[in-house]
PDB file of N, CA and C in Angstrom:
ATOM      1  N   UNK A   1       6.331  22.946   0.723  1.00  0.00           N
ATOM      2  CA  UNK A   1       6.232  21.592   1.237  1.00  0.00           C
ATOM      3  C   UNK A   1       7.193  20.705   0.444  1.00  0.00           C
ATOM      4  N   UNK A   2       8.093  19.999   1.159  1.00  0.00           N
ATOM      5  CA  UNK A   2       9.033  19.134   0.447  1.00  0.00           C
ATOM      6  C   UNK A   2       8.367  17.814   0.068  1.00  0.00           C
ATOM      7  N   UNK A   3       9.088  16.967  -0.664  1.00  0.00           N
ATOM      8  CA  UNK A   3       8.535  15.731  -1.203  1.00  0.00           C
ATOM      9  C   UNK A   3       8.058  14.780  -0.094  1.00  0.00           C
ATOM     10  N   UNK A   4       8.832  14.704   0.975  1.00  0.00           N
ATOM     11  CA  UNK A   4       8.467  13.823   2.094  1.00  0.00           C
ATOM     12  C   UNK A   4       7.177  14.305   2.775  1.00  0.00           C
ATOM     13  N   UNK A   5       7.090  15.603   3.021  1.00  0.00           N
ATOM     14  CA  UNK A   5       5.893  16.173   3.649  1.00  0.00           C
ATOM     15  C   UNK A   5       4.667  15.987   2.756  1.00  0.00           C
ATOM     16  N   UNK A   6       4.869  16.151   1.454  1.00  0.00           N
ATOM     17  CA  UNK A   6       3.779  15.962   0.496  1.00  0.00           C
ATOM     18  C   UNK A   6       3.298  14.508   0.532  1.00  0.00           C
ATOM     19  N   UNK A   7       4.253  13.572   0.554  1.00  0.00           N
ATOM     20  CA  UNK A   7       3.901  12.157   0.629  1.00  0.00           C
ATOM     21  C   UNK A   7       3.130  11.835   1.895  1.00  0.00           C
ATOM     22  N   UNK A   8       3.571  12.383   3.025  1.00  0.00           N
ATOM     23  CA  UNK A   8       2.884  12.163   4.302  1.00  0.00           C
ATOM     24  C   UNK A   8       1.460  12.735   4.273  1.00  0.00           C
ATOM     25  N   UNK A   9       1.318  13.898   3.657  1.00  0.00           N
ATOM     26  CA  UNK A   9      -0.007  14.527   3.574  1.00  0.00           C
ATOM     27  C   UNK A   9      -0.962  13.662   2.743  1.00  0.00           C
ATOM     28  N   UNK A  10      -0.484  13.120   1.625  1.00  0.00           N
ATOM     29  CA  UNK A  10      -1.338  12.277   0.794  1.00  0.00           C
ATOM     30  C   UNK A  10      -1.621  10.936   1.457  1.00  0.00           C
ATOM     31  N   UNK A  11      -0.650  10.393   2.195  1.00  0.00           N
ATOM     32  CA  UNK A  11      -0.904   9.151   2.931  1.00  0.00           C
ATOM     33  C   UNK A  11      -1.972   9.375   4.003  1.00  0.00           C
ATOM     34  N   UNK A  12      -1.921  10.531   4.655  1.00  0.00           N
ATOM     35  CA  UNK A  12      -2.948  10.859   5.656  1.00  0.00           C
ATOM     36  C   UNK A  12      -4.320  10.964   4.993  1.00  0.00           C
ATOM     37  N   UNK A  13      -4.379  11.606   3.833  1.00  0.00           N
ATOM     38  CA  UNK A  13      -5.641  11.733   3.095  1.00  0.00           C
ATOM     39  C   UNK A  13      -6.165  10.355   2.696  1.00  0.00           C
ATOM     40  N   UNK A  14      -5.271   9.470   2.289  1.00  0.00           N
ATOM     41  CA  UNK A  14      -5.680   8.118   1.909  1.00  0.00           C
ATOM     42  C   UNK A  14      -6.182   7.355   3.135  1.00  0.00           C
ATOM     43  N   UNK A  15      -5.547   7.544   4.288  1.00  0.00           N
ATOM     44  CA  UNK A  15      -6.021   6.916   5.528  1.00  0.00           C
ATOM     45  C   UNK A  15      -7.465   7.316   5.810  1.00  0.00           C
ATOM     46  N   UNK A  16      -7.756   8.589   5.708  1.00  0.00           N
ATOM     47  CA  UNK A  16      -9.116   9.078   5.934  1.00  0.00           C
ATOM     48  C   UNK A  16     -10.086   8.487   4.911  1.00  0.00           C
ATOM     49  N   UNK A  17      -9.672   8.462   3.665  1.00  0.00           N
ATOM     50  CA  UNK A  17     -10.485   7.898   2.579  1.00  0.00           C
ATOM     51  C   UNK A  17     -10.813   6.433   2.867  1.00  0.00           C
ATOM     52  N   UNK A  18      -9.782   5.652   3.237  1.00  0.00           N
ATOM     53  CA  UNK A  18      -9.977   4.225   3.488  1.00  0.00           C
ATOM     54  C   UNK A  18     -10.838   3.980   4.721  1.00  0.00           C
ATOM     55  N   UNK A  19     -10.645   4.792   5.752  1.00  0.00           N
ATOM     56  CA  UNK A  19     -11.466   4.645   6.959  1.00  0.00           C
ATOM     57  C   UNK A  19     -12.940   4.860   6.638  1.00  0.00           C
ATOM     58  N   UNK A  20     -13.215   5.846   5.777  1.00  0.00           N
ATOM     59  CA  UNK A  20     -14.608   6.094   5.363  1.00  0.00           C
ATOM     60  C   UNK A  20     -15.183   4.912   4.595  1.00  0.00           C
ATOM     61  N   UNK A  21     -14.297   4.127   3.973  1.00  0.00           N
ATOM     62  CA  UNK A  21     -14.719   2.946   3.215  1.00  0.00           C
ATOM     63  C   UNK A  21     -14.764   1.695   4.094  1.00  0.00           C
ATOM     64  N   UNK A  22     -14.468   1.853   5.392  1.00  0.00           N
ATOM     65  CA  UNK A  22     -14.566   0.728   6.321  1.00  0.00           C
ATOM     66  C   UNK A  22     -13.279  -0.001   6.619  1.00  0.00           C
ATOM     67  N   UNK A  23     -12.160   0.504   6.129  1.00  0.00           N
ATOM     68  CA  UNK A  23     -10.867  -0.126   6.384  1.00  0.00           C
ATOM     69  C   UNK A  23     -10.337   0.354   7.736  1.00  0.00           C
ATOM     70  N   UNK A  24      -9.794  -0.574   8.506  1.00  0.00           N
ATOM     71  CA  UNK A  24      -9.164  -0.225   9.783  1.00  0.00           C
ATOM     72  C   UNK A  24      -7.654  -0.252   9.575  1.00  0.00           C
ATOM     73  N   UNK A  25      -7.029   0.912   9.593  1.00  0.00           N
ATOM     74  CA  UNK A  25      -5.580   1.024   9.390  1.00  0.00           C
ATOM     75  C   UNK A  25      -4.884   0.591  10.680  1.00  0.00           C
ATOM     76  N   UNK A  26      -3.949  -0.365  10.552  1.00  0.00           N
ATOM     77  CA  UNK A  26      -3.240  -0.875  11.722  1.00  0.00           C
ATOM     78  C   UNK A  26      -1.783  -0.430  11.775  1.00  0.00           C
ATOM     79  N   UNK A  27      -1.204  -0.118  10.629  1.00  0.00           N
ATOM     80  CA  UNK A  27       0.203   0.320  10.563  1.00  0.00           C
ATOM     81  C   UNK A  27       0.357   1.362   9.463  1.00  0.00           C
ATOM     82  N   UNK A  28       1.268   2.301   9.724  1.00  0.00           N
ATOM     83  CA  UNK A  28       1.630   3.292   8.701  1.00  0.00           C
ATOM     84  C   UNK A  28       3.134   3.263   8.544  1.00  0.00           C
ATOM     85  N   UNK A  29       3.588   3.297   7.295  1.00  0.00           N
ATOM     86  CA  UNK A  29       5.019   3.326   6.976  1.00  0.00           C
ATOM     87  C   UNK A  29       5.790   2.235   7.710  1.00  0.00           C
ATOM     88  N   UNK A  30       5.341   1.001   7.544  1.00  0.00           N
ATOM     89  CA  UNK A  30       6.026  -0.140   8.162  1.00  0.00           C
ATOM     90  C   UNK A  30       7.331  -0.381   7.421  1.00  0.00           C
ATOM     91  N   UNK A  31       8.435  -0.320   8.149  1.00  0.00           N
ATOM     92  CA  UNK A  31       9.759  -0.482   7.549  1.00  0.00           C
ATOM     93  C   UNK A  31      10.487  -1.667   8.171  1.00  0.00           C
ATOM     94  N   UNK A  32      11.247  -2.336   7.329  1.00  0.00           N
ATOM     95  CA  UNK A  32      12.127  -3.408   7.782  1.00  0.00           C
ATOM     96  C   UNK A  32      13.269  -3.500   6.765  1.00  0.00           C
ATOM     97  N   UNK A  33      14.155  -4.438   6.963  1.00  0.00           N
ATOM     98  CA  UNK A  33      15.309  -4.583   6.069  1.00  0.00           C
ATOM     99  C   UNK A  33      14.871  -4.824   4.619  1.00  0.00           C
ATOM    100  N   UNK A  34      13.731  -5.479   4.443  1.00  0.00           N
ATOM    101  CA  UNK A  34      13.254  -5.823   3.102  1.00  0.00           C
ATOM    102  C   UNK A  34      12.677  -4.627   2.344  1.00  0.00           C
ATOM    103  N   UNK A  35      12.284  -3.584   3.068  1.00  0.00           N
ATOM    104  CA  UNK A  35      11.710  -2.422   2.403  1.00  0.00           C
ATOM    105  C   UNK A  35      10.672  -1.742   3.271  1.00  0.00           C
ATOM    106  N   UNK A  36       9.691  -1.127   2.612  1.00  0.00           N
ATOM    107  CA  UNK A  36       8.679  -0.339   3.325  1.00  0.00           C
ATOM    108  C   UNK A  36       7.321  -0.495   2.633  1.00  0.00           C
ATOM    109  N   UNK A  37       6.271  -0.501   3.451  1.00  0.00           N
ATOM    110  CA  UNK A  37       4.899  -0.504   2.945  1.00  0.00           C
ATOM    111  C   UNK A  37       4.222   0.728   3.524  1.00  0.00           C
ATOM    112  N   UNK A  38       3.493   1.456   2.687  1.00  0.00           N
ATOM    113  CA  UNK A  38       2.877   2.710   3.118  1.00  0.00           C
ATOM    114  C   UNK A  38       1.843   2.497   4.220  1.00  0.00           C
ATOM    115  N   UNK A  39       0.901   1.596   3.985  1.00  0.00           N
ATOM    116  CA  UNK A  39      -0.179   1.361   4.950  1.00  0.00           C
ATOM    117  C   UNK A  39      -0.490  -0.127   5.025  1.00  0.00           C
ATOM    118  N   UNK A  40      -0.888  -0.559   6.218  1.00  0.00           N
ATOM    119  CA  UNK A  40      -1.377  -1.919   6.410  1.00  0.00           C
ATOM    120  C   UNK A  40      -2.693  -1.790   7.161  1.00  0.00           C
ATOM    121  N   UNK A  41      -3.683  -2.527   6.717  1.00  0.00           N
ATOM    122  CA  UNK A  41      -4.989  -2.422   7.368  1.00  0.00           C
ATOM    123  C   UNK A  41      -5.819  -3.665   7.203  1.00  0.00           C
ATOM    124  N   UNK A  42      -6.968  -3.651   7.853  1.00  0.00           N
ATOM    125  CA  UNK A  42      -7.924  -4.753   7.763  1.00  0.00           C
ATOM    126  C   UNK A  42      -9.140  -4.276   6.979  1.00  0.00           C
ATOM    127  N   UNK A  43      -9.485  -5.033   5.957  1.00  0.00           N
ATOM    128  CA  UNK A  43     -10.686  -4.773   5.165  1.00  0.00           C
ATOM    129  C   UNK A  43     -11.497  -6.060   5.182  1.00  0.00           C
ATOM    130  N   UNK A  44     -12.491  -6.111   6.057  1.00  0.00           N
ATOM    131  CA  UNK A  44     -13.240  -7.346   6.239  1.00  0.00           C
ATOM    132  C   UNK A  44     -12.324  -8.416   6.803  1.00  0.00           C
ATOM    133  N   UNK A  45     -12.264  -9.554   6.142  1.00  0.00           N
ATOM    134  CA  UNK A  45     -11.407 -10.658   6.586  1.00  0.00           C
ATOM    135  C   UNK A  45      -9.964 -10.501   6.138  1.00  0.00           C
ATOM    136  N   UNK A  46      -9.694  -9.557   5.251  1.00  0.00           N
ATOM    137  CA  UNK A  46      -8.372  -9.433   4.641  1.00  0.00           C
ATOM    138  C   UNK A  46      -7.427  -8.525   5.432  1.00  0.00           C
ATOM    139  N   UNK A  47      -6.165  -8.932   5.473  1.00  0.00           N
ATOM    140  CA  UNK A  47      -5.073  -8.056   5.883  1.00  0.00           C
ATOM    141  C   UNK A  47      -4.551  -7.468   4.578  1.00  0.00           C
ATOM    142  N   UNK A  48      -4.570  -6.149   4.476  1.00  0.00           N
ATOM    143  CA  UNK A  48      -4.242  -5.499   3.199  1.00  0.00           C
ATOM    144  C   UNK A  48      -2.979  -4.662   3.330  1.00  0.00           C
ATOM    145  N   UNK A  49      -2.082  -4.843   2.370  1.00  0.00           N
ATOM    146  CA  UNK A  49      -0.867  -4.036   2.256  1.00  0.00           C
ATOM    147  C   UNK A  49      -1.128  -3.027   1.139  1.00  0.00           C
ATOM    148  N   UNK A  50      -1.098  -1.743   1.523  1.00  0.00           N
ATOM    149  CA  UNK A  50      -1.441  -0.667   0.589  1.00  0.00           C
ATOM    150  C   UNK A  50      -0.187   0.071   0.124  1.00  0.00           C
ATOM    151  N   UNK A  51      -0.114   0.315  -1.166  1.00  0.00           N
ATOM    152  CA  UNK A  51       0.893   1.210  -1.730  1.00  0.00           C
ATOM    153  C   UNK A  51       0.155   2.457  -2.203  1.00  0.00           C
ATOM    154  N   UNK A  52       0.614   3.620  -1.764  1.00  0.00           N
ATOM    155  CA  UNK A  52      -0.003   4.896  -2.118  1.00  0.00           C
ATOM    156  C   UNK A  52       0.893   5.608  -3.122  1.00  0.00           C
ATOM    157  N   UNK A  53       0.326   6.006  -4.246  1.00  0.00           N
ATOM    158  CA  UNK A  53       1.081   6.726  -5.273  1.00  0.00           C
ATOM    159  C   UNK A  53       0.330   7.998  -5.662  1.00  0.00           C
ATOM    160  N   UNK A  54       1.090   9.067  -5.806  1.00  0.00           N
ATOM    161  CA  UNK A  54       0.517  10.373  -6.153  1.00  0.00           C
ATOM    162  C   UNK A  54       1.225  10.972  -7.363  1.00  0.00           C
ATOM    163  N   UNK A  55       0.453  11.602  -8.223  1.00  0.00           N
ATOM    164  CA  UNK A  55       0.970  12.425  -9.318  1.00  0.00           C
ATOM    165  C   UNK A  55       0.104  13.676  -9.387  1.00  0.00           C
ATOM    166  N   UNK A  56       0.744  14.802  -9.617  1.00  0.00           N
ATOM    167  CA  UNK A  56       0.003  16.061  -9.747  1.00  0.00           C
ATOM    168  C   UNK A  56      -0.900  16.018 -10.975  1.00  0.00           C
ATOM    169  N   UNK A  57      -0.385  15.395 -12.051  1.00  0.00           N
ATOM    170  CA  UNK A  57      -1.163  15.237 -13.283  1.00  0.00           C
ATOM    171  C   UNK A  57      -0.616  14.029 -14.042  1.00  0.00           C
ATOM    172  N   UNK A  58      -1.157  13.772 -15.222  1.00  0.00           N
ATOM    173  CA  UNK A  58      -0.775  12.579 -15.990  1.00  0.00           C
ATOM    174  C   UNK A  58       0.466  12.772 -16.859  1.00  0.00           C
ATOM    175  N   UNK A  59       1.107  13.917 -16.767  1.00  0.00           N
ATOM    176  CA  UNK A  59       2.268  14.206 -17.612  1.00  0.00           C
ATOM    177  C   UNK A  59       3.343  13.128 -17.497  1.00  0.00           C
ATOM    178  N   UNK A  60       3.593  12.662 -16.280  1.00  0.00           N
ATOM    179  CA  UNK A  60       4.605  11.629 -16.065  1.00  0.00           C
ATOM    180  C   UNK A  60       4.007  10.225 -16.029  1.00  0.00           C
ATOM    181  N   UNK A  61       2.770  10.102 -16.452  1.00  0.00           N
ATOM    182  CA  UNK A  61       2.079   8.815 -16.436  1.00  0.00           C
ATOM    183  C   UNK A  61       1.156   8.700 -15.236  1.00  0.00           C
ATOM    184  N   UNK A  62       0.355   7.670 -15.256  1.00  0.00           N
ATOM    185  CA  UNK A  62      -0.573   7.432 -14.154  1.00  0.00           C
ATOM    186  C   UNK A  62       0.196   6.932 -12.932  1.00  0.00           C
ATOM    187  N   UNK A  63      -0.226   7.332 -11.734  1.00  0.00           N
ATOM    188  CA  UNK A  63       0.505   6.931 -10.536  1.00  0.00           C
ATOM    189  C   UNK A  63       0.561   5.418 -10.342  1.00  0.00           C
ATOM    190  N   UNK A  64      -0.515   4.713 -10.678  1.00  0.00           N
ATOM    191  CA  UNK A  64      -0.531   3.264 -10.487  1.00  0.00           C
ATOM    192  C   UNK A  64       0.491   2.540 -11.354  1.00  0.00           C
ATOM    193  N   UNK A  65       0.913   3.189 -12.448  1.00  0.00           N
ATOM    194  CA  UNK A  65       1.921   2.588 -13.318  1.00  0.00           C
ATOM    195  C   UNK A  65       3.295   2.521 -12.642  1.00  0.00           C
ATOM    196  N   UNK A  66       3.481   3.285 -11.574  1.00  0.00           N
ATOM    197  CA  UNK A  66       4.761   3.306 -10.858  1.00  0.00           C
ATOM    198  C   UNK A  66       4.930   2.099  -9.933  1.00  0.00           C
ATOM    199  N   UNK A  67       3.905   1.274  -9.837  1.00  0.00           N
ATOM    200  CA  UNK A  67       3.996   0.076  -8.996  1.00  0.00           C
ATOM    201  C   UNK A  67       4.254  -1.117  -9.916  1.00  0.00           C
ATOM    202  N   UNK A  68       5.478  -1.180 -10.409  1.00  0.00           N
ATOM    203  CA  UNK A  68       5.871  -2.236 -11.332  1.00  0.00           C
ATOM    204  C   UNK A  68       6.270  -3.517 -10.609  1.00  0.00           C
ATOM    205  N   UNK A  69       6.789  -4.457 -11.357  1.00  0.00           N
ATOM    206  CA  UNK A  69       7.133  -5.777 -10.831  1.00  0.00           C
ATOM    207  C   UNK A  69       8.120  -5.699  -9.667  1.00  0.00           C
ATOM    208  N   UNK A  70       9.174  -4.896  -9.817  1.00  0.00           N
ATOM    209  CA  UNK A  70      10.188  -4.804  -8.749  1.00  0.00           C
ATOM    210  C   UNK A  70       9.579  -4.272  -7.460  1.00  0.00           C
ATOM    211  N   UNK A  71       8.732  -3.254  -7.557  1.00  0.00           N
ATOM    212  CA  UNK A  71       8.076  -2.685  -6.374  1.00  0.00           C
ATOM    213  C   UNK A  71       7.113  -3.708  -5.772  1.00  0.00           C
ATOM    214  N   UNK A  72       6.390  -4.416  -6.608  1.00  0.00           N
ATOM    215  CA  UNK A  72       5.470  -5.438  -6.124  1.00  0.00           C
ATOM    216  C   UNK A  72       6.222  -6.523  -5.353  1.00  0.00           C
ATOM    217  N   UNK A  73       7.344  -6.956  -5.893  1.00  0.00           N
ATOM    218  CA  UNK A  73       8.143  -7.998  -5.248  1.00  0.00           C
ATOM    219  C   UNK A  73       8.650  -7.518  -3.890  1.00  0.00           C
ATOM    220  N   UNK A  74       9.081  -6.261  -3.832  1.00  0.00           N
ATOM    221  CA  UNK A  74       9.562  -5.693  -2.572  1.00  0.00           C
ATOM    222  C   UNK A  74       8.441  -5.643  -1.535  1.00  0.00           C
ATOM    223  N   UNK A  75       7.254  -5.224  -1.956  1.00  0.00           N
ATOM    224  CA  UNK A  75       6.109  -5.170  -1.042  1.00  0.00           C
ATOM    225  C   UNK A  75       5.795  -6.572  -0.516  1.00  0.00           C
ATOM    226  N   UNK A  76       5.872  -7.573  -1.376  1.00  0.00           N
ATOM    227  CA  UNK A  76       5.614  -8.949  -0.952  1.00  0.00           C
ATOM    228  C   UNK A  76       6.646  -9.423   0.070  1.00  0.00           C
ATOM    229  N   UNK A  77       7.897  -9.038  -0.104  1.00  0.00           N
ATOM    230  CA  UNK A  77       8.935  -9.393   0.870  1.00  0.00           C
ATOM    231  C   UNK A  77       8.648  -8.745   2.222  1.00  0.00           C
ATOM    232  N   UNK A  78       8.239  -7.495   2.193  1.00  0.00           N
ATOM    233  CA  UNK A  78       7.882  -6.800   3.439  1.00  0.00           C
ATOM    234  C   UNK A  78       6.678  -7.494   4.077  1.00  0.00           C
ATOM    235  N   UNK A  79       5.706  -7.878   3.267  1.00  0.00           N
ATOM    236  CA  UNK A  79       4.520  -8.571   3.778  1.00  0.00           C
ATOM    237  C   UNK A  79       4.921  -9.890   4.441  1.00  0.00           C
ATOM    238  N   UNK A  80       5.824 -10.641   3.813  1.00  0.00           N
ATOM    239  CA  UNK A  80       6.304 -11.896   4.407  1.00  0.00           C
ATOM    240  C   UNK A  80       6.909 -11.640   5.788  1.00  0.00           C
ATOM    241  N   UNK A  81       7.748 -10.619   5.870  1.00  0.00           N
ATOM    242  CA  UNK A  81       8.382 -10.306   7.151  1.00  0.00           C
ATOM    243  C   UNK A  81       7.337  -9.874   8.188  1.00  0.00           C
ATOM    244  N   UNK A  82       6.408  -9.048   7.783  1.00  0.00           N
ATOM    245  CA  UNK A  82       5.358  -8.573   8.690  1.00  0.00           C
ATOM    246  C   UNK A  82       4.552  -9.755   9.236  1.00  0.00           C
ATOM    247  N   UNK A  83       4.155 -10.657   8.357  1.00  0.00           N
ATOM    248  CA  UNK A  83       3.389 -11.833   8.782  1.00  0.00           C
ATOM    249  C   UNK A  83       4.203 -12.705   9.733  1.00  0.00           C
ATOM    250  N   UNK A  84       5.492 -12.851   9.447  1.00  0.00           N
ATOM    251  CA  UNK A  84       6.381 -13.617  10.322  1.00  0.00           C
ATOM    252  C   UNK A  84       6.509 -12.941  11.687  1.00  0.00           C
ATOM    253  N   UNK A  85       6.762 -11.635  11.667  1.00  0.00           N
ATOM    254  CA  UNK A  85       6.957 -10.877  12.905  1.00  0.00           C
ATOM    255  C   UNK A  85       5.711 -10.901  13.791  1.00  0.00           C
ATOM    256  N   UNK A  86       4.542 -10.800  13.186  1.00  0.00           N
ATOM    257  CA  UNK A  86       3.282 -10.781  13.933  1.00  0.00           C
ATOM    258  C   UNK A  86       2.737 -12.190  14.185  1.00  0.00           C
ATOM    259  N   UNK A  87       3.479 -13.202  13.722  1.00  0.00           N
ATOM    260  CA  UNK A  87       3.103 -14.614  13.887  1.00  0.00           C
ATOM    261  C   UNK A  87       1.713 -14.914  13.298  1.00  0.00           C
ATOM    262  N   UNK A  88       1.476 -14.373  12.118  1.00  0.00           N
ATOM    263  CA  UNK A  88       0.183 -14.575  11.470  1.00  0.00           C
ATOM    264  C   UNK A  88       0.218 -15.732  10.482  1.00  0.00           C
ATOM    265  N   UNK A  89       1.405 -16.030   9.947  1.00  0.00           N
ATOM    266  CA  UNK A  89       1.538 -17.157   9.031  1.00  0.00           C
ATOM    267  C   UNK A  89       0.472 -17.186   7.966  1.00  0.00           C
ATOM    268  N   UNK A  90      -0.111 -18.350   7.770  1.00  0.00           N
ATOM    269  CA  UNK A  90      -1.155 -18.500   6.757  1.00  0.00           C
ATOM    270  C   UNK A  90      -2.546 -18.416   7.350  1.00  0.00           C
ATOM    271  N   UNK A  91      -2.651 -17.825   8.536  1.00  0.00           N
ATOM    272  CA  UNK A  91      -3.934 -17.805   9.237  1.00  0.00           C
ATOM    273  C   UNK A  91      -4.885 -16.715   8.775  1.00  0.00           C
ATOM    274  N   UNK A  92      -4.423 -15.846   7.894  1.00  0.00           N
ATOM    275  CA  UNK A  92      -5.254 -14.716   7.486  1.00  0.00           C
ATOM    276  C   UNK A  92      -5.078 -14.473   5.991  1.00  0.00           C
ATOM    277  N   UNK A  93      -6.180 -14.221   5.280  1.00  0.00           N
ATOM    278  CA  UNK A  93      -6.034 -13.917   3.852  1.00  0.00           C
ATOM    279  C   UNK A  93      -5.402 -12.531   3.660  1.00  0.00           C
ATOM    280  N   UNK A  94      -4.513 -12.450   2.676  1.00  0.00           N
ATOM    281  CA  UNK A  94      -3.752 -11.228   2.414  1.00  0.00           C
ATOM    282  C   UNK A  94      -4.097 -10.705   1.029  1.00  0.00           C
ATOM    283  N   UNK A  95      -4.101  -9.379   0.923  1.00  0.00           N
ATOM    284  CA  UNK A  95      -4.386  -8.720  -0.350  1.00  0.00           C
ATOM    285  C   UNK A  95      -3.402  -7.565  -0.527  1.00  0.00           C
ATOM    286  N   UNK A  96      -3.086  -7.258  -1.777  1.00  0.00           N
ATOM    287  CA  UNK A  96      -2.185  -6.162  -2.100  1.00  0.00           C
ATOM    288  C   UNK A  96      -2.957  -5.142  -2.937  1.00  0.00           C
ATOM    289  N   UNK A  97      -3.133  -3.937  -2.375  1.00  0.00           N
ATOM    290  CA  UNK A  97      -3.913  -2.886  -3.023  1.00  0.00           C
ATOM    291  C   UNK A  97      -3.035  -1.684  -3.355  1.00  0.00           C
ATOM    292  N   UNK A  98      -3.448  -0.933  -4.340  1.00  0.00           N
ATOM    293  CA  UNK A  98      -2.795   0.324  -4.703  1.00  0.00           C
ATOM    294  C   UNK A  98      -3.848   1.418  -4.643  1.00  0.00           C
ATOM    295  N   UNK A  99      -3.498   2.525  -3.987  1.00  0.00           N
ATOM    296  CA  UNK A  99      -4.361   3.700  -3.997  1.00  0.00           C
ATOM    297  C   UNK A  99      -3.610   4.773  -4.788  1.00  0.00           C
ATOM    298  N   UNK A 100      -4.173   5.161  -5.914  1.00  0.00           N
ATOM    299  CA  UNK A 100      -3.534   6.110  -6.824  1.00  0.00           C
ATOM    300  C   UNK A 100      -4.277   7.443  -6.789  1.00  0.00           C
ATOM    301  N   UNK A 101      -3.503   8.498  -6.591  1.00  0.00           N
ATOM    302  CA  UNK A 101      -4.067   9.849  -6.587  1.00  0.00           C
ATOM    303  C   UNK A 101      -3.447  10.604  -7.750  1.00  0.00           C
ATOM    304  N   UNK A 102      -4.309  11.106  -8.621  1.00  0.00           N
ATOM    305  CA  UNK A 102      -3.848  11.907  -9.751  1.00  0.00           C
ATOM    306  C   UNK A 102      -4.656  13.191  -9.735  1.00  0.00           C
ATOM    307  N   UNK A 103      -3.993  14.278  -9.343  1.00  0.00           N
ATOM    308  CA  UNK A 103      -4.708  15.534  -9.161  1.00  0.00           C
ATOM    309  C   UNK A 103      -5.675  15.393  -8.011  1.00  0.00           C
ATOM    310  N   UNK A 104      -6.955  15.535  -8.281  1.00  0.00           N
ATOM    311  CA  UNK A 104      -7.987  15.396  -7.250  1.00  0.00           C
ATOM    312  C   UNK A 104      -8.680  14.029  -7.298  1.00  0.00           C
ATOM    313  N   UNK A 105      -8.305  13.206  -8.257  1.00  0.00           N
ATOM    314  CA  UNK A 105      -8.941  11.906  -8.451  1.00  0.00           C
ATOM    315  C   UNK A 105      -8.255  10.826  -7.623  1.00  0.00           C
ATOM    316  N   UNK A 106      -9.055  10.024  -6.904  1.00  0.00           N
ATOM    317  CA  UNK A 106      -8.542   8.911  -6.101  1.00  0.00           C
ATOM    318  C   UNK A 106      -9.101   7.613  -6.652  1.00  0.00           C
ATOM    319  N   UNK A 107      -8.204   6.672  -6.958  1.00  0.00           N
ATOM    320  CA  UNK A 107      -8.611   5.349  -7.427  1.00  0.00           C
ATOM    321  C   UNK A 107      -8.017   4.295  -6.507  1.00  0.00           C
ATOM    322  N   UNK A 108      -8.890   3.435  -5.981  1.00  0.00           N
ATOM    323  CA  UNK A 108      -8.463   2.368  -5.093  1.00  0.00           C
ATOM    324  C   UNK A 108      -8.547   1.057  -5.873  1.00  0.00           C
ATOM    325  N   UNK A 109      -7.402   0.461  -6.146  1.00  0.00           N
ATOM    326  CA  UNK A 109      -7.323  -0.791  -6.881  1.00  0.00           C
ATOM    327  C   UNK A 109      -7.166  -1.929  -5.880  1.00  0.00           C
ATOM    328  N   UNK A 110      -8.271  -2.613  -5.615  1.00  0.00           N
ATOM    329  CA  UNK A 110      -8.243  -3.742  -4.704  1.00  0.00           C
ATOM    330  C   UNK A 110      -7.666  -4.958  -5.434  1.00  0.00           C
ATOM    331  N   UNK A 111      -6.839  -5.698  -4.707  1.00  0.00           N
ATOM    332  CA  UNK A 111      -6.184  -6.881  -5.285  1.00  0.00           C
ATOM    333  C   UNK A 111      -5.442  -6.476  -6.557  1.00  0.00           C
ATOM    334  N   UNK A 112      -4.666  -5.408  -6.466  1.00  0.00           N
ATOM    335  CA  UNK A 112      -3.980  -4.807  -7.614  1.00  0.00           C
ATOM    336  C   UNK A 112      -2.940  -5.746  -8.218  1.00  0.00           C
ATOM    337  N   UNK A 113      -2.348  -6.601  -7.390  1.00  0.00           N
ATOM    338  CA  UNK A 113      -1.394  -7.576  -7.891  1.00  0.00           C
ATOM    339  C   UNK A 113      -1.384  -8.788  -6.981  1.00  0.00           C
ATOM    340  N   UNK A 114      -0.907  -9.891  -7.539  1.00  0.00           N
ATOM    341  CA  UNK A 114      -0.831 -11.153  -6.813  1.00  0.00           C
ATOM    342  C   UNK A 114       0.487 -11.238  -6.044  1.00  0.00           C
ATOM    343  N   UNK A 115       0.495 -12.108  -5.061  1.00  0.00           N
ATOM    344  CA  UNK A 115       1.703 -12.360  -4.277  1.00  0.00           C
ATOM    345  C   UNK A 115       2.823 -12.860  -5.177  1.00  0.00           C
ATOM    346  N   UNK A 116       4.008 -12.314  -4.987  1.00  0.00           N
ATOM    347  CA  UNK A 116       5.198 -12.749  -5.715  1.00  0.00           C
ATOM    348  C   UNK A 116       6.152 -13.331  -4.690  1.00  0.00           C
ATOM    349  N   UNK A 117       6.334 -14.618  -4.717  1.00  0.00           N
ATOM    350  CA  UNK A 117       7.209 -15.290  -3.758  1.00  0.00           C
ATOM    351  C   UNK A 117       8.515 -15.707  -4.407  1.00  0.00           C
ATOM    352  N   UNK A 118       9.218 -16.587  -3.738  1.00  0.00           N
ATOM    353  CA  UNK A 118      10.454 -17.119  -4.287  1.00  0.00           C
ATOM    354  C   UNK A 118      11.578 -16.116  -4.321  1.00  0.00           C
ATOM    355  N   UNK A 119      11.790 -15.465  -3.192  1.00  0.00           N
ATOM    356  CA  UNK A 119      12.837 -14.439  -3.093  1.00  0.00           C
ATOM    357  C   UNK A 119      14.113 -15.070  -3.485  1.00  0.00           C
TER     358      UNK A 119
END
């Protein structure tokens, strides 16, 4: 299994995990000029932009550590475009979550980071 197939398999597993937790996934791998977001879904009143990170083990660090400032800023730019494209504006509360998989362990970090504006 190549890296892309592995990523798709873990994103599918995360979709199932989130659905069991009550999240309704509305988009997968949303891409635009600003970048890409792994998953977009509704969790209660929130529109959530999910970043999925996987590591086989902790040798290279925890997967959630790979979502640094630059990645967060890129996700926020994609979120801005998505909200503009769907004409949602400020009408819906937005949250940025990270789902980290390390080996067999899954950690869902709700509200993992705040919106970074001022592109």
